[in-house]
PDB file of N, CA and C in Angstrom:
ATOM      1  N   UNK A   1       0.917  -1.075   0.280  1.00  0.00           N
ATOM      2  CA  UNK A   1       0.099  -0.076  -0.053  1.00  0.00           C
ATOM      3  C   UNK A   1       0.844   1.374  -0.014  1.00  0.00           C
ATOM      4  N   UNK A   2       0.669   2.732  -1.085  1.00  0.00           N
ATOM      5  CA  UNK A   2       1.398   3.772  -1.158  1.00  0.00           C
ATOM      6  C   UNK A   2       0.591   4.862  -0.711  1.00  0.00           C
ATOM      7  N   UNK A   3       0.720   4.755   0.932  1.00  0.00           N
ATOM      8  CA  UNK A   3       0.009   5.800   1.523  1.00  0.00           C
ATOM      9  C   UNK A   3       0.786   6.970   2.403  1.00  0.00           C
ATOM     10  N   UNK A   4       0.572   8.447   1.964  1.00  0.00           N
ATOM     11  CA  UNK A   4       1.563   9.037   2.936  1.00  0.00           C
ATOM     12  C   UNK A   4       0.810  10.049   3.631  1.00  0.00           C
ATOM     13  N   UNK A   5       1.294  10.301   4.724  1.00  0.00           N
ATOM     14  CA  UNK A   5       0.415  10.974   5.657  1.00  0.00           C
ATOM     15  C   UNK A   5       1.523  12.050   6.643  1.00  0.00           C
ATOM     16  N   UNK A   6       1.325  13.455   6.162  1.00  0.00           N
ATOM     17  CA  UNK A   6       2.509  14.477   6.839  1.00  0.00           C
ATOM     18  C   UNK A   6       2.059  15.584   7.126  1.00  0.00           C
ATOM     19  N   UNK A   7       2.480  15.959   8.945  1.00  0.00           N
ATOM     20  CA  UNK A   7       2.149  16.892   8.923  1.00  0.00           C
ATOM     21  C   UNK A   7       3.508  17.888   9.236  1.00  0.00           C
ATOM     22  N   UNK A   8       3.506  18.895   9.025  1.00  0.00           N
ATOM     23  CA  UNK A   8       4.262  19.974   8.889  1.00  0.00           C
ATOM     24  C   UNK A   8       4.155  21.289   8.661  1.00  0.00           C
ATOM     25  N   UNK A   9       5.106  21.919   8.434  1.00  0.00           N
ATOM     26  CA  UNK A   9       4.787  23.250   8.129  1.00  0.00           C
ATOM     27  C   UNK A   9       5.428  23.647   6.340  1.00  0.00           C
ATOM     28  N   UNK A  10       4.765  24.407   5.796  1.00  0.00           N
ATOM     29  CA  UNK A  10       5.267  25.145   4.406  1.00  0.00           C
ATOM     30  C   UNK A  10       6.793  25.946   4.210  1.00  0.00           C
ATOM     31  N   UNK A  11       7.829  25.485   3.875  1.00  0.00           N
ATOM     32  CA  UNK A  11       8.520  25.865   3.499  1.00  0.00           C
ATOM     33  C   UNK A  11       8.933  27.186   3.156  1.00  0.00           C
ATOM     34  N   UNK A  12       8.558  27.426   2.079  1.00  0.00           N
ATOM     35  CA  UNK A  12       8.182  28.615   1.335  1.00  0.00           C
ATOM     36  C   UNK A  12       7.080  28.385   0.242  1.00  0.00           C
ATOM     37  N   UNK A  13       6.565  30.081  -0.109  1.00  0.00           N
ATOM     38  CA  UNK A  13       4.566  30.182  -0.589  1.00  0.00           C
ATOM     39  C   UNK A  13       4.616  28.831  -1.888  1.00  0.00           C
ATOM     40  N   UNK A  14       4.025  28.271  -2.014  1.00  0.00           N
ATOM     41  CA  UNK A  14       3.302  27.440  -3.092  1.00  0.00           C
ATOM     42  C   UNK A  14       3.573  27.672  -4.443  1.00  0.00           C
ATOM     43  N   UNK A  15       3.676  26.978  -4.979  1.00  0.00           N
ATOM     44  CA  UNK A  15       3.902  27.558  -6.467  1.00  0.00           C
ATOM     45  C   UNK A  15       2.933  27.361  -7.443  1.00  0.00           C
ATOM     46  N   UNK A  16       2.156  28.299  -7.569  1.00  0.00           N
ATOM     47  CA  UNK A  16       0.891  27.696  -8.819  1.00  0.00           C
ATOM     48  C   UNK A  16       1.190  27.603 -10.126  1.00  0.00           C
ATOM     49  N   UNK A  17       1.320  26.831 -10.842  1.00  0.00           N
ATOM     50  CA  UNK A  17       1.408  26.914 -12.134  1.00  0.00           C
ATOM     51  C   UNK A  17      -0.272  25.912 -13.276  1.00  0.00           C
ATOM     52  N   UNK A  18      -0.145  26.485 -14.597  1.00  0.00           N
ATOM     53  CA  UNK A  18      -1.033  25.816 -15.601  1.00  0.00           C
ATOM     54  C   UNK A  18      -0.022  24.957 -16.170  1.00  0.00           C
ATOM     55  N   UNK A  19      -0.828  23.906 -16.416  1.00  0.00           N
ATOM     56  CA  UNK A  19      -0.095  22.649 -17.421  1.00  0.00           C
ATOM     57  C   UNK A  19      -0.247  23.134 -18.181  1.00  0.00           C
ATOM     58  N   UNK A  20       0.623  23.527 -19.348  1.00  0.00           N
ATOM     59  CA  UNK A  20       0.291  23.920 -20.676  1.00  0.00           C
ATOM     60  C   UNK A  20      -0.648  22.932 -21.792  1.00  0.00           C
ATOM     61  N   UNK A  21      -0.208  21.819 -21.396  1.00  0.00           N
ATOM     62  CA  UNK A  21      -0.918  20.457 -22.476  1.00  0.00           C
ATOM     63  C   UNK A  21      -2.518  20.622 -21.950  1.00  0.00           C
ATOM     64  N   UNK A  22      -2.917  20.444 -21.120  1.00  0.00           N
ATOM     65  CA  UNK A  22      -4.090  20.624 -20.623  1.00  0.00           C
ATOM     66  C   UNK A  22      -4.749  21.199 -19.792  1.00  0.00           C
ATOM     67  N   UNK A  23      -4.213  22.439 -19.283  1.00  0.00           N
ATOM     68  CA  UNK A  23      -4.509  23.602 -19.017  1.00  0.00           C
ATOM     69  C   UNK A  23      -4.915  23.305 -17.108  1.00  0.00           C
ATOM     70  N   UNK A  24      -4.726  22.231 -16.558  1.00  0.00           N
ATOM     71  CA  UNK A  24      -5.012  21.783 -15.584  1.00  0.00           C
ATOM     72  C   UNK A  24      -4.193  22.896 -14.126  1.00  0.00           C
ATOM     73  N   UNK A  25      -4.146  22.602 -12.984  1.00  0.00           N
ATOM     74  CA  UNK A  25      -3.873  23.990 -12.180  1.00  0.00           C
ATOM     75  C   UNK A  25      -2.888  22.963 -11.608  1.00  0.00           C
ATOM     76  N   UNK A  26      -1.362  23.360 -11.087  1.00  0.00           N
ATOM     77  CA  UNK A  26      -0.437  22.103 -10.544  1.00  0.00           C
ATOM     78  C   UNK A  26       0.087  23.066  -9.622  1.00  0.00           C
ATOM     79  N   UNK A  27       0.171  23.082  -8.944  1.00  0.00           N
ATOM     80  CA  UNK A  27       0.886  23.394  -7.076  1.00  0.00           C
ATOM     81  C   UNK A  27       2.211  22.489  -6.675  1.00  0.00           C
ATOM     82  N   UNK A  28       3.332  23.017  -6.464  1.00  0.00           N
ATOM     83  CA  UNK A  28       4.684  22.560  -6.336  1.00  0.00           C
ATOM     84  C   UNK A  28       4.943  23.206  -4.280  1.00  0.00           C
ATOM     85  N   UNK A  29       5.126  22.460  -3.158  1.00  0.00           N
ATOM     86  CA  UNK A  29       5.359  22.904  -2.237  1.00  0.00           C
ATOM     87  C   UNK A  29       6.413  21.636  -1.540  1.00  0.00           C
ATOM     88  N   UNK A  30       6.981  22.503  -0.303  1.00  0.00           N
ATOM     89  CA  UNK A  30       7.755  22.308   0.096  1.00  0.00           C
ATOM     90  C   UNK A  30       7.242  21.963   1.771  1.00  0.00           C
ATOM     91  N   UNK A  31       7.370  21.178   2.297  1.00  0.00           N
ATOM     92  CA  UNK A  31       6.531  20.854   4.238  1.00  0.00           C
ATOM     93  C   UNK A  31       8.030  20.348   4.589  1.00  0.00           C
ATOM     94  N   UNK A  32       8.528  21.335   5.334  1.00  0.00           N
ATOM     95  CA  UNK A  32       9.050  20.886   6.737  1.00  0.00           C
ATOM     96  C   UNK A  32       8.732  20.070   7.580  1.00  0.00           C
ATOM     97  N   UNK A  33       9.096  19.119   7.893  1.00  0.00           N
ATOM     98  CA  UNK A  33       8.685  17.583   9.413  1.00  0.00           C
ATOM     99  C   UNK A  33       9.699  17.453  10.052  1.00  0.00           C
ATOM    100  N   UNK A  34       9.055  17.794  11.547  1.00  0.00           N
ATOM    101  CA  UNK A  34      10.512  17.511  12.533  1.00  0.00           C
ATOM    102  C   UNK A  34      10.629  16.070  12.637  1.00  0.00           C
ATOM    103  N   UNK A  35      12.024  15.548  12.775  1.00  0.00           N
ATOM    104  CA  UNK A  35      12.106  14.525  13.018  1.00  0.00           C
ATOM    105  C   UNK A  35      12.148  13.632  14.234  1.00  0.00           C
ATOM    106  N   UNK A  36      11.287  13.195  14.624  1.00  0.00           N
ATOM    107  CA  UNK A  36      10.594  12.346  16.308  1.00  0.00           C
ATOM    108  C   UNK A  36      12.123  12.864  17.261  1.00  0.00           C
ATOM    109  N   UNK A  37      11.987  13.411  18.397  1.00  0.00           N
ATOM    110  CA  UNK A  37      12.783  12.944  19.074  1.00  0.00           C
ATOM    111  C   UNK A  37      13.870  13.919  19.209  1.00  0.00           C
ATOM    112  N   UNK A  38      13.936  14.721  18.027  1.00  0.00           N
ATOM    113  CA  UNK A  38      14.896  15.524  17.646  1.00  0.00           C
ATOM    114  C   UNK A  38      14.768  16.653  17.260  1.00  0.00           C
ATOM    115  N   UNK A  39      14.901  18.216  17.817  1.00  0.00           N
ATOM    116  CA  UNK A  39      14.648  19.493  17.861  1.00  0.00           C
ATOM    117  C   UNK A  39      14.965  19.826  16.654  1.00  0.00           C
ATOM    118  N   UNK A  40      16.567  19.785  15.916  1.00  0.00           N
ATOM    119  CA  UNK A  40      17.566  20.371  15.618  1.00  0.00           C
ATOM    120  C   UNK A  40      17.161  19.632  14.212  1.00  0.00           C
ATOM    121  N   UNK A  41      16.718  18.875  13.856  1.00  0.00           N
ATOM    122  CA  UNK A  41      16.554  17.872  12.998  1.00  0.00           C
ATOM    123  C   UNK A  41      15.346  17.480  11.616  1.00  0.00           C
ATOM    124  N   UNK A  42      15.442  17.628  10.595  1.00  0.00           N
ATOM    125  CA  UNK A  42      14.124  17.892  10.261  1.00  0.00           C
ATOM    126  C   UNK A  42      14.222  17.667   9.049  1.00  0.00           C
ATOM    127  N   UNK A  43      13.116  16.769   7.907  1.00  0.00           N
ATOM    128  CA  UNK A  43      13.634  16.489   6.353  1.00  0.00           C
ATOM    129  C   UNK A  43      12.172  17.464   5.418  1.00  0.00           C
ATOM    130  N   UNK A  44      12.726  17.364   4.399  1.00  0.00           N
ATOM    131  CA  UNK A  44      11.999  18.928   3.540  1.00  0.00           C
ATOM    132  C   UNK A  44      11.627  17.944   2.216  1.00  0.00           C
ATOM    133  N   UNK A  45      10.133  17.286   2.628  1.00  0.00           N
ATOM    134  CA  UNK A  45       9.176  16.786   1.429  1.00  0.00           C
ATOM    135  C   UNK A  45       8.870  17.440   0.578  1.00  0.00           C
ATOM    136  N   UNK A  46       8.830  17.220  -0.781  1.00  0.00           N
ATOM    137  CA  UNK A  46       8.014  18.030  -1.874  1.00  0.00           C
ATOM    138  C   UNK A  46       6.802  17.166  -1.753  1.00  0.00           C
ATOM    139  N   UNK A  47       5.960  18.640  -2.491  1.00  0.00           N
ATOM    140  CA  UNK A  47       4.569  18.080  -3.060  1.00  0.00           C
ATOM    141  C   UNK A  47       4.188  18.572  -3.793  1.00  0.00           C
ATOM    142  N   UNK A  48       3.161  17.321  -4.232  1.00  0.00           N
ATOM    143  CA  UNK A  48       2.796  18.483  -5.943  1.00  0.00           C
ATOM    144  C   UNK A  48       1.149  18.005  -5.429  1.00  0.00           C
ATOM    145  N   UNK A  49       0.169  19.166  -6.227  1.00  0.00           N
ATOM    146  CA  UNK A  49      -0.795  18.887  -6.175  1.00  0.00           C
ATOM    147  C   UNK A  49      -1.829  19.403  -7.768  1.00  0.00           C
ATOM    148  N   UNK A  50      -2.346  18.923  -7.493  1.00  0.00           N
ATOM    149  CA  UNK A  50      -2.944  18.981  -9.174  1.00  0.00           C
ATOM    150  C   UNK A  50      -4.968  19.361  -8.983  1.00  0.00           C
ATOM    151  N   UNK A  51      -5.352  19.991 -10.128  1.00  0.00           N
ATOM    152  CA  UNK A  51      -7.118  20.757 -10.077  1.00  0.00           C
ATOM    153  C   UNK A  51      -6.823  21.868  -8.427  1.00  0.00           C
ATOM    154  N   UNK A  52      -8.280  21.380  -8.133  1.00  0.00           N
ATOM    155  CA  UNK A  52      -8.910  22.036  -7.491  1.00  0.00           C
ATOM    156  C   UNK A  52      -8.423  22.425  -6.506  1.00  0.00           C
ATOM    157  N   UNK A  53      -7.962  20.731  -5.443  1.00  0.00           N
ATOM    158  CA  UNK A  53      -6.204  20.904  -4.216  1.00  0.00           C
ATOM    159  C   UNK A  53      -5.676  21.917  -5.026  1.00  0.00           C
ATOM    160  N   UNK A  54      -4.742  21.662  -5.881  1.00  0.00           N
ATOM    161  CA  UNK A  54      -3.844  22.938  -6.275  1.00  0.00           C
ATOM    162  C   UNK A  54      -3.664  24.583  -5.879  1.00  0.00           C
ATOM    163  N   UNK A  55      -4.788  24.630  -6.402  1.00  0.00           N
ATOM    164  CA  UNK A  55      -5.722  26.187  -6.259  1.00  0.00           C
ATOM    165  C   UNK A  55      -5.356  26.028  -4.928  1.00  0.00           C
ATOM    166  N   UNK A  56      -6.297  25.647  -3.872  1.00  0.00           N
ATOM    167  CA  UNK A  56      -6.854  25.659  -2.592  1.00  0.00           C
ATOM    168  C   UNK A  56      -5.524  25.940  -2.128  1.00  0.00           C
ATOM    169  N   UNK A  57      -4.784  24.752  -2.257  1.00  0.00           N
ATOM    170  CA  UNK A  57      -3.377  25.153  -1.626  1.00  0.00           C
ATOM    171  C   UNK A  57      -2.763  26.108  -1.588  1.00  0.00           C
ATOM    172  N   UNK A  58      -2.341  26.735  -3.081  1.00  0.00           N
ATOM    173  CA  UNK A  58      -1.973  28.161  -2.770  1.00  0.00           C
ATOM    174  C   UNK A  58      -2.566  28.986  -2.799  1.00  0.00           C
ATOM    175  N   UNK A  59      -3.817  28.728  -2.530  1.00  0.00           N
ATOM    176  CA  UNK A  59      -4.634  30.360  -2.267  1.00  0.00           C
ATOM    177  C   UNK A  59      -5.045  30.121  -0.123  1.00  0.00           C
ATOM    178  N   UNK A  60      -4.532  28.823   0.454  1.00  0.00           N
ATOM    179  CA  UNK A  60      -4.999  29.776   1.306  1.00  0.00           C
ATOM    180  C   UNK A  60      -3.781  29.179   3.138  1.00  0.00           C
ATOM    181  N   UNK A  61      -2.411  28.864   1.627  1.00  0.00           N
ATOM    182  CA  UNK A  61      -0.959  28.886   2.538  1.00  0.00           C
ATOM    183  C   UNK A  61      -0.389  29.533   2.042  1.00  0.00           C
ATOM    184  N   UNK A  62       0.605  29.667   3.097  1.00  0.00           N
ATOM    185  CA  UNK A  62       1.748  30.283   2.683  1.00  0.00           C
ATOM    186  C   UNK A  62       3.347  29.856   3.384  1.00  0.00           C
ATOM    187  N   UNK A  63       3.947  30.181   3.616  1.00  0.00           N
ATOM    188  CA  UNK A  63       5.299  30.125   3.703  1.00  0.00           C
ATOM    189  C   UNK A  63       5.065  29.982   5.406  1.00  0.00           C
ATOM    190  N   UNK A  64       5.844  28.962   6.629  1.00  0.00           N
ATOM    191  CA  UNK A  64       5.005  28.882   7.411  1.00  0.00           C
ATOM    192  C   UNK A  64       3.752  28.718   8.255  1.00  0.00           C
ATOM    193  N   UNK A  65       3.342  28.519   7.542  1.00  0.00           N
ATOM    194  CA  UNK A  65       1.752  27.588   7.796  1.00  0.00           C
ATOM    195  C   UNK A  65       1.869  26.050   7.620  1.00  0.00           C
ATOM    196  N   UNK A  66       0.954  25.717   9.050  1.00  0.00           N
ATOM    197  CA  UNK A  66       1.190  24.033   9.184  1.00  0.00           C
ATOM    198  C   UNK A  66      -0.009  23.600   8.162  1.00  0.00           C
ATOM    199  N   UNK A  67       0.350  22.646   8.001  1.00  0.00           N
ATOM    200  CA  UNK A  67      -0.452  21.801   6.997  1.00  0.00           C
ATOM    201  C   UNK A  67      -0.353  20.403   7.459  1.00  0.00           C
ATOM    202  N   UNK A  68      -1.395  19.177   7.165  1.00  0.00           N
ATOM    203  CA  UNK A  68      -1.793  18.136   7.210  1.00  0.00           C
ATOM    204  C   UNK A  68      -1.674  17.109   6.065  1.00  0.00           C
ATOM    205  N   UNK A  69      -0.960  16.794   4.448  1.00  0.00           N
ATOM    206  CA  UNK A  69      -1.364  16.363   3.561  1.00  0.00           C
ATOM    207  C   UNK A  69      -1.463  14.781   3.694  1.00  0.00           C
ATOM    208  N   UNK A  70      -2.505  14.261   3.178  1.00  0.00           N
ATOM    209  CA  UNK A  70      -2.625  13.234   2.637  1.00  0.00           C
ATOM    210  C   UNK A  70      -1.759  12.660   0.913  1.00  0.00           C
ATOM    211  N   UNK A  71      -1.806  11.463   1.055  1.00  0.00           N
ATOM    212  CA  UNK A  71      -1.210  11.490  -0.289  1.00  0.00           C
ATOM    213  C   UNK A  71      -0.661  10.467  -0.721  1.00  0.00           C
ATOM    214  N   UNK A  72      -0.230  10.282  -2.191  1.00  0.00           N
ATOM    215  CA  UNK A  72       1.041   8.897  -2.635  1.00  0.00           C
ATOM    216  C   UNK A  72       2.136   9.244  -2.726  1.00  0.00           C
ATOM    217  N   UNK A  73       3.032   8.287  -2.319  1.00  0.00           N
ATOM    218  CA  UNK A  73       4.764   8.528  -2.818  1.00  0.00           C
ATOM    219  C   UNK A  73       5.107   8.018  -4.426  1.00  0.00           C
ATOM    220  N   UNK A  74       5.925   9.161  -5.365  1.00  0.00           N
ATOM    221  CA  UNK A  74       5.960   8.842  -6.265  1.00  0.00           C
ATOM    222  C   UNK A  74       7.462   9.431  -6.582  1.00  0.00           C
ATOM    223  N   UNK A  75       8.115   8.150  -7.656  1.00  0.00           N
ATOM    224  CA  UNK A  75       9.469   8.892  -7.619  1.00  0.00           C
ATOM    225  C   UNK A  75       9.557   8.378  -9.365  1.00  0.00           C
ATOM    226  N   UNK A  76      10.574   9.259  -9.861  1.00  0.00           N
ATOM    227  CA  UNK A  76      11.071   9.834 -11.149  1.00  0.00           C
ATOM    228  C   UNK A  76      12.510   9.836 -12.036  1.00  0.00           C
ATOM    229  N   UNK A  77      12.713  10.136 -13.228  1.00  0.00           N
ATOM    230  CA  UNK A  77      13.574  10.507 -13.333  1.00  0.00           C
ATOM    231  C   UNK A  77      13.969  11.503 -14.664  1.00  0.00           C
ATOM    232  N   UNK A  78      15.055  12.204 -14.857  1.00  0.00           N
ATOM    233  CA  UNK A  78      14.873  13.387 -16.042  1.00  0.00           C
ATOM    234  C   UNK A  78      16.509  13.224 -15.653  1.00  0.00           C
ATOM    235  N   UNK A  79      16.717  13.932 -17.298  1.00  0.00           N
ATOM    236  CA  UNK A  79      18.221  14.178 -18.116  1.00  0.00           C
ATOM    237  C   UNK A  79      18.359  15.847 -17.575  1.00  0.00           C
ATOM    238  N   UNK A  80      18.891  16.409 -17.219  1.00  0.00           N
ATOM    239  CA  UNK A  80      18.575  17.609 -16.882  1.00  0.00           C
ATOM    240  C   UNK A  80      20.202  18.059 -18.103  1.00  0.00           C
ATOM    241  N   UNK A  81      20.410  19.666 -18.444  1.00  0.00           N
ATOM    242  CA  UNK A  81      20.852  19.988 -19.362  1.00  0.00           C
ATOM    243  C   UNK A  81      22.160  19.729 -19.660  1.00  0.00           C
ATOM    244  N   UNK A  82      22.994  18.974 -18.440  1.00  0.00           N
ATOM    245  CA  UNK A  82      24.013  18.180 -19.256  1.00  0.00           C
ATOM    246  C   UNK A  82      24.404  16.904 -19.333  1.00  0.00           C
ATOM    247  N   UNK A  83      22.840  16.301 -19.269  1.00  0.00           N
ATOM    248  CA  UNK A  83      22.646  15.159 -19.791  1.00  0.00           C
ATOM    249  C   UNK A  83      22.992  14.320 -18.471  1.00  0.00           C
ATOM    250  N   UNK A  84      23.135  14.469 -17.282  1.00  0.00           N
ATOM    251  CA  UNK A  84      23.396  13.965 -15.903  1.00  0.00           C
ATOM    252  C   UNK A  84      21.901  13.552 -16.113  1.00  0.00           C
ATOM    253  N   UNK A  85      21.733  11.773 -15.617  1.00  0.00           N
ATOM    254  CA  UNK A  85      20.002  11.738 -15.167  1.00  0.00           C
ATOM    255  C   UNK A  85      19.634  11.897 -13.382  1.00  0.00           C
ATOM    256  N   UNK A  86      18.903  12.615 -13.070  1.00  0.00           N
ATOM    257  CA  UNK A  86      18.315  13.286 -12.030  1.00  0.00           C
ATOM    258  C   UNK A  86      17.294  12.455 -11.579  1.00  0.00           C
ATOM    259  N   UNK A  87      17.235  11.662 -10.438  1.00  0.00           N
ATOM    260  CA  UNK A  87      15.710  11.348  -9.620  1.00  0.00           C
ATOM    261  C   UNK A  87      15.003  12.285  -8.724  1.00  0.00           C
ATOM    262  N   UNK A  88      13.980  12.312  -9.023  1.00  0.00           N
ATOM    263  CA  UNK A  88      13.087  13.026  -8.399  1.00  0.00           C
ATOM    264  C   UNK A  88      12.029  11.693  -7.213  1.00  0.00           C
ATOM    265  N   UNK A  89      12.156  12.247  -6.151  1.00  0.00           N
ATOM    266  CA  UNK A  89      10.811  11.492  -4.754  1.00  0.00           C
ATOM    267  C   UNK A  89       9.700  12.786  -4.601  1.00  0.00           C
ATOM    268  N   UNK A  90       8.004  12.847  -5.148  1.00  0.00           N
ATOM    269  CA  UNK A  90       7.760  13.764  -4.605  1.00  0.00           C
ATOM    270  C   UNK A  90       6.283  12.709  -3.932  1.00  0.00           C
ATOM    271  N   UNK A  91       5.636  13.557  -2.719  1.00  0.00           N
ATOM    272  CA  UNK A  91       4.327  13.202  -2.270  1.00  0.00           C
ATOM    273  C   UNK A  91       3.144  13.990  -3.557  1.00  0.00           C
ATOM    274  N   UNK A  92       2.536  13.408  -4.429  1.00  0.00           N
ATOM    275  CA  UNK A  92       1.421  13.535  -4.874  1.00  0.00           C
ATOM    276  C   UNK A  92       0.027  13.409  -3.909  1.00  0.00           C
ATOM    277  N   UNK A  93      -0.249  15.005  -3.604  1.00  0.00           N
ATOM    278  CA  UNK A  93      -1.385  15.466  -2.779  1.00  0.00           C
ATOM    279  C   UNK A  93      -2.713  15.220  -3.245  1.00  0.00           C
ATOM    280  N   UNK A  94      -3.786  13.699  -2.585  1.00  0.00           N
ATOM    281  CA  UNK A  94      -4.701  13.325  -2.773  1.00  0.00           C
ATOM    282  C   UNK A  94      -6.063  14.290  -2.052  1.00  0.00           C
ATOM    283  N   UNK A  95      -5.857  14.736  -0.369  1.00  0.00           N
ATOM    284  CA  UNK A  95      -6.248  15.693   0.498  1.00  0.00           C
ATOM    285  C   UNK A  95      -5.330  17.108   1.274  1.00  0.00           C
ATOM    286  N   UNK A  96      -5.698  17.403   2.022  1.00  0.00           N
ATOM    287  CA  UNK A  96      -4.688  18.329   2.836  1.00  0.00           C
ATOM    288  C   UNK A  96      -6.116  18.908   3.849  1.00  0.00           C
ATOM    289  N   UNK A  97      -5.097  19.261   4.567  1.00  0.00           N
ATOM    290  CA  UNK A  97      -6.148  19.581   6.050  1.00  0.00           C
ATOM    291  C   UNK A  97      -5.457  20.940   6.704  1.00  0.00           C
ATOM    292  N   UNK A  98      -5.967  21.700   7.337  1.00  0.00           N
ATOM    293  CA  UNK A  98      -5.979  23.074   7.879  1.00  0.00           C
ATOM    294  C   UNK A  98      -5.286  22.254   9.105  1.00  0.00           C
ATOM    295  N   UNK A  99      -4.184  22.850  10.527  1.00  0.00           N
ATOM    296  CA  UNK A  99      -3.525  22.457  11.047  1.00  0.00           C
ATOM    297  C   UNK A  99      -3.067  23.712  11.938  1.00  0.00           C
ATOM    298  N   UNK A 100      -3.078  23.412  13.341  1.00  0.00           N
ATOM    299  CA  UNK A 100      -3.032  24.297  14.224  1.00  0.00           C
ATOM    300  C   UNK A 100      -4.342  25.378  14.500  1.00  0.00           C
ATOM    301  N   UNK A 101      -3.616  26.681  14.745  1.00  0.00           N
ATOM    302  CA  UNK A 101      -4.578  28.314  15.174  1.00  0.00           C
ATOM    303  C   UNK A 101      -4.576  29.157  14.408  1.00  0.00           C
ATOM    304  N   UNK A 102      -5.330  29.963  13.811  1.00  0.00           N
ATOM    305  CA  UNK A 102      -5.596  31.284  12.990  1.00  0.00           C
ATOM    306  C   UNK A 102      -3.983  31.827  13.186  1.00  0.00           C
TER     307      UNK A 102
END
């Protein structure tokens, strides 16, 4: 089963874009998650949302705001400008929740 549940803070303002081929909205953002039992250590998880979820993440979340994310882990690869193979790991967001106070 491929299921990811994250609770953390948005590292920088989400980037909302429109996919040229389909016109669908896409939003990329990074969530910082503190490691259990370690105050000074965090993991930075790349997240991708599509459609209405993407639009709402971009609309309601900014740098520093707490978020809960539910999704699936996806890996991929591409060649950069120098011809080197690069690998990616992202959480594709199925749903999100507001966490914390206003």
